[in-house]
Every structure is written in C-alpha cells, then in structure tokens.
Amino acid sequence: MPTVSVGRDRLFKALGRTYTQEEFEVLCFEFGIELDDVTTEKAIIRKEKHLKDDASEDDEEVIYKIEVAANRYDLLCLEGIARALRIFMGKETTPVFTIADIAAKSMHKMYVKPETAQIRPFVVCSVLRGVTFDEARYNSFIDLQDKLHQNICRKRTLVAIGTHDLDTLEGPFSYEALPPTDISFVPLKQDKSFRADELMEFYKGDMKLKKFLHIIENSSVYPVIYDSKRTVLSLPPIINGAHSAITLETKKCVYRVHSYRSDKGKHCVEHNGNNVLRVL
C-alpha cells in the first residue's frame, strides 16, 4: 500500500480546521485510509542516515505518513487527500474537469516518427495553463510524479511521465527514435552536454536513475523528443532536458506520457492529469 508523507499543518489548513491526532485517525478510518506514522522531516533524514535522535526538533514541521489504497491514484499527494476528505465530509462537491475548447489551428502538435515503433511507440500530451507554483506546491508536484512512476507506471517500465515549461519551447514537437550517438543535450541538474550513450554510463553511478537504464540501454535506437528548434525536451524514460525544466515561475506546463501501449498512456493523462490539477 502506498504511503504519502504530508505536512500536518498544511493538510489541516487545506481541510479548514485543526484536529487532534485521535480525531484525525478517526476521520481517516471512516474514509478508508490510515494514519501510519507521525514524524518530522529531520527525523526521516536521520533515520535514512542512521543518525541519533535530536532532542531539539520541537519547532520542526510535523509530518503525517498516510497509507492509501493502491488503486487510489488521486490520493498520492496532499492536495488529493485534502480534496477527497473535504468531499467526504460534505464541504465541497466532486470536481468536474473539462478539456478547453481551443481552435485546431491554435493547438500544439506532436509528430510521431515511425521509427519509435522500435522502442516506445506511444505518446500522449496535454497543456496545463494558469499554473501557480510556490515552493510547497512545486515539491508536491514533483513528489506526485515520482509516486505515479512507482505506482501505476510500474517504475517507468510501462509509462514514463514528463513535465516541461512550455514558455521555454517552440512547437511543433516531434517524437523520434535515433541511434544514441546522434542524440546530445544537457540533462536536468547538469551544466554540460552529453551524448545519449554517454548518459547511460554517467547514470550508472546515480542511485535513483541507474535502475531505469535497462529499459532502453540495449536498444539500437533511443526515444527522444524535440521542439521545432531541435531542443531536446526528454530522453524518456530516463531524464528530461535542462532547457525546459519547470520552475517556480512556470505558468504553462506541458504534461506528457510515453508508453508501450496507447491505452495506458491515455489512461495516465485522463486519470492522473486530474491529480496534477489538484496540486496546481
């Protein structure tokens, strides 16, 4: 069962009132989730690093670890949990999300090259407009994406999700499959360009990314997304390009998924796009 870590005070603010721990445990039980643990961010870090307890953490934010059902992808972030509980308590109605009616000539286009059939043939995209980030929302947005990758996306083997700052890019976009030696770009959190084959070697030393390399590293072609200026958006399912990384200033976000199956990619956009809207 997935466990979601949320700041207690932010959660209570989203719910419109404060609770004692016992009161909140009762609410969770009635709704069908469970308060699994109560800790702090510093305590989590100390536990991961096997450090001794620190008695000076009274002012540290309290973190609730909430266990949710594996098939409730809408509960994988603070915003989703808060909204579900508000609906459960009758404080708001179930939201209905709709696709904006945009003229065809104004819509962005993603051209899929036939060579992608060799590696990861399907891509589905949407654009989220009017995005407003602060640090907490941004962190929740990134954490939600990680949880979706671990959950419905089956550790990126089935589906890979990517988000990009649309204002840094220029469409139309193209989804291609090229030999790794023909792909070069600056990846996230790096300041120099790598060829795709060099990235495979580079990330073998990365504790997080090395476990995804096997998905494409033995293929003769790698999937890659370009904008009209041949700026690399992503090398899915491994890493995005640094150029289009989202920031606290991002206002328009490209939300895209890649999959081996068209139905799974569409499912992620239709169902998990709603999770993203809850965060934003």
C-alpha atoms as a PDB file:
ATOM      1  CA  MET A   1       0.000   0.000   0.000  1.00  0.00           C
ATOM      2  CA  PRO A   2       1.444   3.436  -0.919  1.00  0.00           C
ATOM      3  CA  THR A   3       2.322   5.781   1.933  1.00  0.00           C
ATOM      4  CA  VAL A   4       2.075   9.530   1.361  1.00  0.00           C
ATOM      5  CA  SER A   5       4.038  11.961   3.557  1.00  0.00           C
ATOM      6  CA  VAL A   6       2.267  15.301   4.066  1.00  0.00           C
ATOM      7  CA  GLY A   7       2.836  18.303   6.302  1.00  0.00           C
ATOM      8  CA  ARG A   8       0.244  18.181   9.084  1.00  0.00           C
ATOM      9  CA  ASP A   9      -0.283  21.942   9.290  1.00  0.00           C
ATOM     10  CA  ARG A  10      -0.639  22.337   5.504  1.00  0.00           C
ATOM     11  CA  LEU A  11      -3.113  19.459   5.457  1.00  0.00           C
ATOM     12  CA  PHE A  12      -5.198  20.928   8.279  1.00  0.00           C
ATOM     13  CA  LYS A  13      -5.192  24.319   6.533  1.00  0.00           C
ATOM     14  CA  ALA A  14      -6.487  22.646   3.360  1.00  0.00           C
ATOM     15  CA  LEU A  15      -9.192  20.908   5.418  1.00  0.00           C
ATOM     16  CA  GLY A  16     -10.263  24.177   7.021  1.00  0.00           C
ATOM     17  CA  ARG A  17      -9.699  23.177  10.654  1.00  0.00           C
ATOM     18  CA  THR A  18      -7.249  21.533  13.039  1.00  0.00           C
ATOM     19  CA  TYR A  19      -7.615  18.066  14.546  1.00  0.00           C
ATOM     20  CA  THR A  20      -6.127  16.232  17.463  1.00  0.00           C
ATOM     21  CA  GLN A  21      -4.224  13.160  16.365  1.00  0.00           C
ATOM     22  CA  GLU A  22      -7.031  10.950  17.668  1.00  0.00           C
ATOM     23  CA  GLU A  23      -9.678  12.959  15.792  1.00  0.00           C
ATOM     24  CA  PHE A  24      -7.712  12.735  12.565  1.00  0.00           C
ATOM     25  CA  GLU A  25      -7.185   8.990  12.979  1.00  0.00           C
ATOM     26  CA  VAL A  26     -10.963   8.576  13.314  1.00  0.00           C
ATOM     27  CA  LEU A  27     -11.553  10.658  10.162  1.00  0.00           C
ATOM     28  CA  CYS A  28      -9.033   8.542   8.250  1.00  0.00           C
ATOM     29  CA  PHE A  29     -10.642   5.316   9.468  1.00  0.00           C
ATOM     30  CA  GLU A  30     -14.124   6.459   8.461  1.00  0.00           C
ATOM     31  CA  PHE A  31     -12.904   7.473   4.997  1.00  0.00           C
ATOM     32  CA  GLY A  32     -10.847   4.324   4.437  1.00  0.00           C
ATOM     33  CA  ILE A  33      -7.230   5.431   4.805  1.00  0.00           C
ATOM     34  CA  GLU A  34      -4.840   5.114   7.747  1.00  0.00           C
ATOM     35  CA  LEU A  35      -2.507   7.442   9.627  1.00  0.00           C
ATOM     36  CA  ASP A  36       0.503   5.134   9.600  1.00  0.00           C
ATOM     37  CA  ASP A  37       3.113   7.281  11.386  1.00  0.00           C
ATOM     38  CA  VAL A  38       3.772  10.746  12.805  1.00  0.00           C
ATOM     39  CA  THR A  39       7.291  12.109  12.421  1.00  0.00           C
ATOM     40  CA  THR A  40       9.299  15.149  11.275  1.00  0.00           C
ATOM     41  CA  GLU A  41      11.381  15.827   8.185  1.00  0.00           C
ATOM     42  CA  LYS A  42      14.595  15.855  10.227  1.00  0.00           C
ATOM     43  CA  ALA A  43      13.650  12.559  11.867  1.00  0.00           C
ATOM     44  CA  ILE A  44      13.097  10.999   8.432  1.00  0.00           C
ATOM     45  CA  ILE A  45      16.542  12.157   7.287  1.00  0.00           C
ATOM     46  CA  ARG A  46      18.184  10.896  10.493  1.00  0.00           C
ATOM     47  CA  LYS A  47      16.514   7.512  10.068  1.00  0.00           C
ATOM     48  CA  GLU A  48      17.734   7.237   6.470  1.00  0.00           C
ATOM     49  CA  LYS A  49      21.291   8.140   7.535  1.00  0.00           C
ATOM     50  CA  HIS A  50      21.177   6.068  10.757  1.00  0.00           C
ATOM     51  CA  LEU A  51      21.858   9.098  12.952  1.00  0.00           C
ATOM     52  CA  LYS A  52      20.943   9.545  16.618  1.00  0.00           C
ATOM     53  CA  ASP A  53      17.750  11.311  17.694  1.00  0.00           C
ATOM     54  CA  ASP A  54      17.908  15.071  18.179  1.00  0.00           C
ATOM     55  CA  ALA A  55      16.026  16.480  21.151  1.00  0.00           C
ATOM     56  CA  SER A  56      15.930  19.985  19.601  1.00  0.00           C
ATOM     57  CA  GLU A  57      13.280  19.327  16.947  1.00  0.00           C
ATOM     58  CA  ASP A  58      10.230  20.754  18.734  1.00  0.00           C
ATOM     59  CA  ASP A  59       9.878  23.527  16.133  1.00  0.00           C
ATOM     60  CA  GLU A  60      10.204  21.130  13.186  1.00  0.00           C
ATOM     61  CA  GLU A  61       7.144  20.639  10.969  1.00  0.00           C
ATOM     62  CA  VAL A  62       5.137  17.549  11.871  1.00  0.00           C
ATOM     63  CA  ILE A  63       4.822  15.052   9.012  1.00  0.00           C
ATOM     64  CA  TYR A  64       1.874  12.671   8.731  1.00  0.00           C
ATOM     65  CA  LYS A  65       2.519   9.429   6.848  1.00  0.00           C
ATOM     66  CA  ILE A  66      -0.836   8.330   5.458  1.00  0.00           C
ATOM     67  CA  GLU A  67      -1.415   4.900   3.940  1.00  0.00           C
ATOM     68  CA  VAL A  68      -3.788   4.907   0.964  1.00  0.00           C
ATOM     69  CA  ALA A  69      -5.263   2.231  -1.297  1.00  0.00           C
ATOM     70  CA  ALA A  70      -3.045   1.151  -4.192  1.00  0.00           C
ATOM     71  CA  ASN A  71      -5.751   1.917  -6.767  1.00  0.00           C
ATOM     72  CA  ARG A  72      -6.469   5.444  -5.479  1.00  0.00           C
ATOM     73  CA  TYR A  73      -4.045   7.429  -7.611  1.00  0.00           C
ATOM     74  CA  ASP A  74      -5.967  10.585  -6.678  1.00  0.00           C
ATOM     75  CA  LEU A  75      -4.704  10.243  -3.082  1.00  0.00           C
ATOM     76  CA  LEU A  76      -0.972  10.265  -3.843  1.00  0.00           C
ATOM     77  CA  CYS A  77      -0.469  13.905  -2.823  1.00  0.00           C
ATOM     78  CA  LEU A  78      -1.561  16.258  -0.044  1.00  0.00           C
ATOM     79  CA  GLU A  79      -3.909  18.132  -2.358  1.00  0.00           C
ATOM     80  CA  GLY A  80      -5.643  14.941  -3.462  1.00  0.00           C
ATOM     81  CA  ILE A  81      -6.082  13.684   0.103  1.00  0.00           C
ATOM     82  CA  ALA A  82      -7.409  17.055   1.283  1.00  0.00           C
ATOM     83  CA  ARG A  83      -9.905  17.315  -1.566  1.00  0.00           C
ATOM     84  CA  ALA A  84     -11.141  13.746  -1.083  1.00  0.00           C
ATOM     85  CA  LEU A  85     -11.654  14.328   2.649  1.00  0.00           C
ATOM     86  CA  ARG A  86     -13.477  17.624   2.049  1.00  0.00           C
ATOM     87  CA  ILE A  87     -15.821  15.872  -0.389  1.00  0.00           C
ATOM     88  CA  PHE A  88     -16.294  13.006   2.082  1.00  0.00           C
ATOM     89  CA  MET A  89     -17.234  15.490   4.823  1.00  0.00           C
ATOM     90  CA  GLY A  90     -19.646  17.312   2.502  1.00  0.00           C
ATOM     91  CA  LYS A  91     -17.599  20.511   2.410  1.00  0.00           C
ATOM     92  CA  GLU A  92     -17.421  20.560  -1.398  1.00  0.00           C
ATOM     93  CA  THR A  93     -18.769  18.707  -4.399  1.00  0.00           C
ATOM     94  CA  THR A  94     -16.847  16.377  -6.673  1.00  0.00           C
ATOM     95  CA  PRO A  95     -14.991  18.487  -9.272  1.00  0.00           C
ATOM     96  CA  VAL A  96     -15.572  18.004 -12.980  1.00  0.00           C
ATOM     97  CA  PHE A  97     -12.547  18.713 -15.184  1.00  0.00           C
ATOM     98  CA  THR A  98     -13.053  19.526 -18.845  1.00  0.00           C
ATOM     99  CA  ILE A  99     -10.774  19.987 -21.832  1.00  0.00           C
ATOM    100  CA  ALA A 100     -10.649  23.584 -23.044  1.00  0.00           C
ATOM    101  CA  ASP A 101     -12.302  24.301 -26.391  1.00  0.00           C
ATOM    102  CA  ILE A 102      -9.314  25.517 -28.397  1.00  0.00           C
ATOM    103  CA  ALA A 103      -9.332  26.134 -32.138  1.00  0.00           C
ATOM    104  CA  ALA A 104      -7.442  23.457 -34.067  1.00  0.00           C
ATOM    105  CA  LYS A 105      -5.029  25.991 -35.565  1.00  0.00           C
ATOM    106  CA  SER A 106      -4.037  27.138 -32.072  1.00  0.00           C
ATOM    107  CA  MET A 107      -3.355  23.660 -30.706  1.00  0.00           C
ATOM    108  CA  HIS A 108       0.183  22.376 -30.286  1.00  0.00           C
ATOM    109  CA  LYS A 109       1.187  19.400 -32.404  1.00  0.00           C
ATOM    110  CA  MET A 110       3.363  16.393 -31.621  1.00  0.00           C
ATOM    111  CA  TYR A 111       4.557  14.486 -34.694  1.00  0.00           C
ATOM    112  CA  VAL A 112       5.408  10.841 -34.019  1.00  0.00           C
ATOM    113  CA  LYS A 113       8.051   9.363 -36.308  1.00  0.00           C
ATOM    114  CA  PRO A 114       7.518   5.732 -37.435  1.00  0.00           C
ATOM    115  CA  GLU A 115      10.917   4.681 -36.037  1.00  0.00           C
ATOM    116  CA  THR A 116       9.511   4.984 -32.492  1.00  0.00           C
ATOM    117  CA  ALA A 117       7.670   1.697 -33.095  1.00  0.00           C
ATOM    118  CA  GLN A 118      11.028   0.013 -32.422  1.00  0.00           C
ATOM    119  CA  ILE A 119      11.284   1.215 -28.830  1.00  0.00           C
ATOM    120  CA  ARG A 120       8.342   3.040 -27.159  1.00  0.00           C
ATOM    121  CA  PRO A 121       5.731   3.935 -29.757  1.00  0.00           C
ATOM    122  CA  PHE A 122       3.024   5.941 -27.983  1.00  0.00           C
ATOM    123  CA  VAL A 123       2.961   9.485 -26.627  1.00  0.00           C
ATOM    124  CA  VAL A 124       0.016  11.466 -25.239  1.00  0.00           C
ATOM    125  CA  CYS A 125       0.245  15.155 -24.306  1.00  0.00           C
ATOM    126  CA  SER A 126      -1.740  17.949 -22.718  1.00  0.00           C
ATOM    127  CA  VAL A 127      -1.053  21.570 -21.751  1.00  0.00           C
ATOM    128  CA  LEU A 128      -1.879  22.923 -18.289  1.00  0.00           C
ATOM    129  CA  ARG A 129      -2.348  26.706 -18.328  1.00  0.00           C
ATOM    130  CA  GLY A 130      -2.597  29.202 -15.490  1.00  0.00           C
ATOM    131  CA  VAL A 131      -0.166  27.262 -13.293  1.00  0.00           C
ATOM    132  CA  THR A 132       0.805  28.905  -9.991  1.00  0.00           C
ATOM    133  CA  PHE A 133       3.693  27.402  -8.044  1.00  0.00           C
ATOM    134  CA  ASP A 134       5.108  28.167  -4.635  1.00  0.00           C
ATOM    135  CA  GLU A 135       7.812  26.033  -3.050  1.00  0.00           C
ATOM    136  CA  ALA A 136       5.372  23.700  -1.293  1.00  0.00           C
ATOM    137  CA  ARG A 137       3.234  23.178  -4.410  1.00  0.00           C
ATOM    138  CA  TYR A 138       6.312  22.631  -6.547  1.00  0.00           C
ATOM    139  CA  ASN A 139       7.662  19.975  -4.179  1.00  0.00           C
ATOM    140  CA  SER A 140       4.259  18.277  -4.043  1.00  0.00           C
ATOM    141  CA  PHE A 141       4.078  18.338  -7.862  1.00  0.00           C
ATOM    142  CA  ILE A 142       7.465  16.600  -8.200  1.00  0.00           C
ATOM    143  CA  ASP A 143       6.696  14.117  -5.420  1.00  0.00           C
ATOM    144  CA  LEU A 144       3.380  13.222  -7.071  1.00  0.00           C
ATOM    145  CA  GLN A 145       5.159  12.466 -10.337  1.00  0.00           C
ATOM    146  CA  ASP A 146       7.634  10.202  -8.518  1.00  0.00           C
ATOM    147  CA  LYS A 147       4.807   8.322  -6.792  1.00  0.00           C
ATOM    148  CA  LEU A 148       2.960   7.811 -10.072  1.00  0.00           C
ATOM    149  CA  HIS A 149       6.157   6.425 -11.597  1.00  0.00           C
ATOM    150  CA  GLN A 150       6.466   3.934  -8.745  1.00  0.00           C
ATOM    151  CA  ASN A 151       2.778   3.024  -8.803  1.00  0.00           C
ATOM    152  CA  ILE A 152       0.657   2.957 -11.960  1.00  0.00           C
ATOM    153  CA  CYS A 153       3.703   3.477 -14.223  1.00  0.00           C
ATOM    154  CA  ARG A 154       5.393   0.332 -12.849  1.00  0.00           C
ATOM    155  CA  LYS A 155       8.738   2.033 -12.205  1.00  0.00           C
ATOM    156  CA  ARG A 156       8.674   3.664 -15.665  1.00  0.00           C
ATOM    157  CA  THR A 157       8.640   0.313 -17.478  1.00  0.00           C
ATOM    158  CA  LEU A 158       5.018   0.719 -18.550  1.00  0.00           C
ATOM    159  CA  VAL A 159       4.656   4.509 -18.664  1.00  0.00           C
ATOM    160  CA  ALA A 160       7.009   7.476 -18.221  1.00  0.00           C
ATOM    161  CA  ILE A 161       5.715  10.933 -17.302  1.00  0.00           C
ATOM    162  CA  GLY A 162       7.409  14.228 -18.100  1.00  0.00           C
ATOM    163  CA  THR A 163       6.583  17.882 -17.491  1.00  0.00           C
ATOM    164  CA  HIS A 164       8.080  20.912 -19.231  1.00  0.00           C
ATOM    165  CA  ASP A 165       7.847  24.699 -19.157  1.00  0.00           C
ATOM    166  CA  LEU A 166       6.029  25.496 -22.403  1.00  0.00           C
ATOM    167  CA  ASP A 167       7.274  29.094 -22.484  1.00  0.00           C
ATOM    168  CA  THR A 168      10.861  27.851 -22.963  1.00  0.00           C
ATOM    169  CA  LEU A 169       9.921  25.818 -26.045  1.00  0.00           C
ATOM    170  CA  GLU A 170       8.627  26.361 -29.559  1.00  0.00           C
ATOM    171  CA  GLY A 171       6.340  23.887 -31.299  1.00  0.00           C
ATOM    172  CA  PRO A 172       5.544  21.858 -33.217  1.00  0.00           C
ATOM    173  CA  PHE A 173       7.185  18.962 -31.397  1.00  0.00           C
ATOM    174  CA  SER A 174       8.497  15.667 -32.721  1.00  0.00           C
ATOM    175  CA  TYR A 175       8.863  12.284 -31.070  1.00  0.00           C
ATOM    176  CA  GLU A 176      11.689  10.326 -32.677  1.00  0.00           C
ATOM    177  CA  ALA A 177      13.867   7.252 -32.238  1.00  0.00           C
ATOM    178  CA  LEU A 178      17.541   7.755 -33.077  1.00  0.00           C
ATOM    179  CA  PRO A 179      20.866   5.994 -32.509  1.00  0.00           C
ATOM    180  CA  PRO A 180      22.179   7.090 -29.089  1.00  0.00           C
ATOM    181  CA  THR A 181      25.301   8.619 -30.655  1.00  0.00           C
ATOM    182  CA  ASP A 182      23.047  11.009 -32.625  1.00  0.00           C
ATOM    183  CA  ILE A 183      21.357  12.448 -29.517  1.00  0.00           C
ATOM    184  CA  SER A 184      23.092  15.180 -27.492  1.00  0.00           C
ATOM    185  CA  PHE A 185      21.696  17.540 -24.849  1.00  0.00           C
ATOM    186  CA  VAL A 186      22.179  18.992 -21.364  1.00  0.00           C
ATOM    187  CA  PRO A 187      20.176  16.835 -18.916  1.00  0.00           C
ATOM    188  CA  LEU A 188      18.435  18.015 -15.755  1.00  0.00           C
ATOM    189  CA  LYS A 189      20.743  19.176 -12.951  1.00  0.00           C
ATOM    190  CA  GLN A 190      23.800  19.156 -15.228  1.00  0.00           C
ATOM    191  CA  ASP A 191      25.646  22.012 -16.921  1.00  0.00           C
ATOM    192  CA  LYS A 192      27.259  20.247 -19.873  1.00  0.00           C
ATOM    193  CA  SER A 193      26.018  18.333 -22.884  1.00  0.00           C
ATOM    194  CA  PHE A 194      26.155  14.531 -23.095  1.00  0.00           C
ATOM    195  CA  ARG A 195      25.537  12.098 -25.914  1.00  0.00           C
ATOM    196  CA  ALA A 196      22.795   9.635 -25.003  1.00  0.00           C
ATOM    197  CA  ASP A 197      25.240   6.710 -24.888  1.00  0.00           C
ATOM    198  CA  GLU A 198      27.481   8.737 -22.548  1.00  0.00           C
ATOM    199  CA  LEU A 199      24.487   9.394 -20.307  1.00  0.00           C
ATOM    200  CA  MET A 200      23.909   5.658 -19.922  1.00  0.00           C
ATOM    201  CA  GLU A 201      27.417   5.311 -18.495  1.00  0.00           C
ATOM    202  CA  PHE A 202      27.141   8.503 -16.443  1.00  0.00           C
ATOM    203  CA  TYR A 203      23.914   7.443 -14.737  1.00  0.00           C
ATOM    204  CA  LYS A 204      25.217   4.010 -13.777  1.00  0.00           C
ATOM    205  CA  GLY A 205      26.615   5.851 -10.760  1.00  0.00           C
ATOM    206  CA  ASP A 206      23.306   7.568  -9.944  1.00  0.00           C
ATOM    207  CA  MET A 207      21.400   5.787  -7.166  1.00  0.00           C
ATOM    208  CA  LYS A 208      17.995   6.923  -8.456  1.00  0.00           C
ATOM    209  CA  LEU A 209      18.342   6.748 -12.237  1.00  0.00           C
ATOM    210  CA  LYS A 210      20.519   3.667 -12.681  1.00  0.00           C
ATOM    211  CA  LYS A 211      17.560   1.361 -12.011  1.00  0.00           C
ATOM    212  CA  PHE A 212      15.763   2.687 -15.123  1.00  0.00           C
ATOM    213  CA  LEU A 213      18.644   2.361 -17.605  1.00  0.00           C
ATOM    214  CA  HIS A 214      17.834  -1.242 -18.525  1.00  0.00           C
ATOM    215  CA  ILE A 215      14.549  -0.123 -20.100  1.00  0.00           C
ATOM    216  CA  ILE A 216      16.279   1.293 -23.205  1.00  0.00           C
ATOM    217  CA  GLU A 217      20.071   0.899 -22.927  1.00  0.00           C
ATOM    218  CA  ASN A 218      20.291  -2.261 -25.067  1.00  0.00           C
ATOM    219  CA  SER A 219      18.187  -0.826 -27.881  1.00  0.00           C
ATOM    220  CA  SER A 220      19.797   0.304 -31.150  1.00  0.00           C
ATOM    221  CA  VAL A 221      17.657   3.466 -31.006  1.00  0.00           C
ATOM    222  CA  TYR A 222      16.601   5.659 -28.079  1.00  0.00           C
ATOM    223  CA  PRO A 223      13.360   7.657 -27.834  1.00  0.00           C
ATOM    224  CA  VAL A 224      13.810  11.440 -27.862  1.00  0.00           C
ATOM    225  CA  ILE A 225      11.536  14.491 -28.050  1.00  0.00           C
ATOM    226  CA  TYR A 226      12.463  17.717 -29.858  1.00  0.00           C
ATOM    227  CA  ASP A 227      10.822  21.079 -30.324  1.00  0.00           C
ATOM    228  CA  SER A 228      10.952  22.905 -33.667  1.00  0.00           C
ATOM    229  CA  LYS A 229      14.431  24.270 -32.873  1.00  0.00           C
ATOM    230  CA  ARG A 230      15.754  20.757 -32.143  1.00  0.00           C
ATOM    231  CA  THR A 231      15.897  21.470 -28.431  1.00  0.00           C
ATOM    232  CA  VAL A 232      15.672  18.177 -26.546  1.00  0.00           C
ATOM    233  CA  LEU A 233      12.752  18.003 -24.134  1.00  0.00           C
ATOM    234  CA  SER A 234      13.415  14.490 -22.925  1.00  0.00           C
ATOM    235  CA  LEU A 235      15.124  11.149 -23.316  1.00  0.00           C
ATOM    236  CA  PRO A 236      12.250   9.062 -21.929  1.00  0.00           C
ATOM    237  CA  PRO A 237      12.048   7.189 -19.648  1.00  0.00           C
ATOM    238  CA  ILE A 238      15.455   8.250 -18.260  1.00  0.00           C
ATOM    239  CA  ILE A 239      15.832  12.033 -17.959  1.00  0.00           C
ATOM    240  CA  ASN A 240      14.444  15.349 -19.182  1.00  0.00           C
ATOM    241  CA  GLY A 241      16.477  18.130 -20.715  1.00  0.00           C
ATOM    242  CA  ALA A 242      17.549  21.027 -18.507  1.00  0.00           C
ATOM    243  CA  HIS A 243      16.330  23.625 -21.018  1.00  0.00           C
ATOM    244  CA  SER A 244      12.597  23.100 -20.386  1.00  0.00           C
ATOM    245  CA  ALA A 245      12.726  22.286 -16.662  1.00  0.00           C
ATOM    246  CA  ILE A 246       9.768  23.618 -14.700  1.00  0.00           C
ATOM    247  CA  THR A 247      10.485  26.266 -12.051  1.00  0.00           C
ATOM    248  CA  LEU A 248       8.535  28.329  -9.530  1.00  0.00           C
ATOM    249  CA  GLU A 249       7.949  30.823 -12.368  1.00  0.00           C
ATOM    250  CA  THR A 250       6.366  28.289 -14.755  1.00  0.00           C
ATOM    251  CA  LYS A 251       2.882  29.343 -15.917  1.00  0.00           C
ATOM    252  CA  LYS A 252       2.202  26.889 -18.757  1.00  0.00           C
ATOM    253  CA  CYS A 253       3.163  23.252 -18.336  1.00  0.00           C
ATOM    254  CA  VAL A 254       3.419  20.533 -20.980  1.00  0.00           C
ATOM    255  CA  TYR A 255       2.287  17.253 -19.392  1.00  0.00           C
ATOM    256  CA  ARG A 256       3.218  14.230 -21.490  1.00  0.00           C
ATOM    257  CA  VAL A 257       3.434  10.481 -21.089  1.00  0.00           C
ATOM    258  CA  HIS A 258       5.149   7.752 -23.115  1.00  0.00           C
ATOM    259  CA  SER A 259       4.106   4.136 -23.165  1.00  0.00           C
ATOM    260  CA  TYR A 260       4.397   0.808 -24.898  1.00  0.00           C
ATOM    261  CA  ARG A 261       0.585   0.737 -25.077  1.00  0.00           C
ATOM    262  CA  SER A 262      -1.723   3.510 -26.271  1.00  0.00           C
ATOM    263  CA  ASP A 263      -4.443   2.718 -23.721  1.00  0.00           C
ATOM    264  CA  LYS A 264      -2.037   3.037 -20.775  1.00  0.00           C
ATOM    265  CA  GLY A 265      -0.706   6.390 -21.940  1.00  0.00           C
ATOM    266  CA  LYS A 266      -4.224   7.749 -22.422  1.00  0.00           C
ATOM    267  CA  HIS A 267      -5.242   6.381 -19.016  1.00  0.00           C
ATOM    268  CA  CYS A 268      -2.406   8.274 -17.319  1.00  0.00           C
ATOM    269  CA  VAL A 269      -3.360  11.575 -18.949  1.00  0.00           C
ATOM    270  CA  GLU A 270      -7.106  11.211 -18.313  1.00  0.00           C
ATOM    271  CA  HIS A 271      -6.914   9.988 -14.723  1.00  0.00           C
ATOM    272  CA  ASN A 272      -3.617  11.300 -13.389  1.00  0.00           C
ATOM    273  CA  GLY A 273      -3.900  14.671 -15.087  1.00  0.00           C
ATOM    274  CA  ASN A 274      -6.611  15.325 -12.507  1.00  0.00           C
ATOM    275  CA  ASN A 275      -4.061  14.672  -9.747  1.00  0.00           C
ATOM    276  CA  VAL A 276      -1.780  17.301 -11.268  1.00  0.00           C
ATOM    277  CA  LEU A 277      -4.639  19.805 -11.371  1.00  0.00           C
ATOM    278  CA  ARG A 278      -5.224  19.218  -7.664  1.00  0.00           C
ATOM    279  CA  VAL A 279      -1.621  20.178  -6.929  1.00  0.00           C
ATOM    280  CA  LEU A 280      -1.733  23.263  -9.131  1.00  0.00           C
END
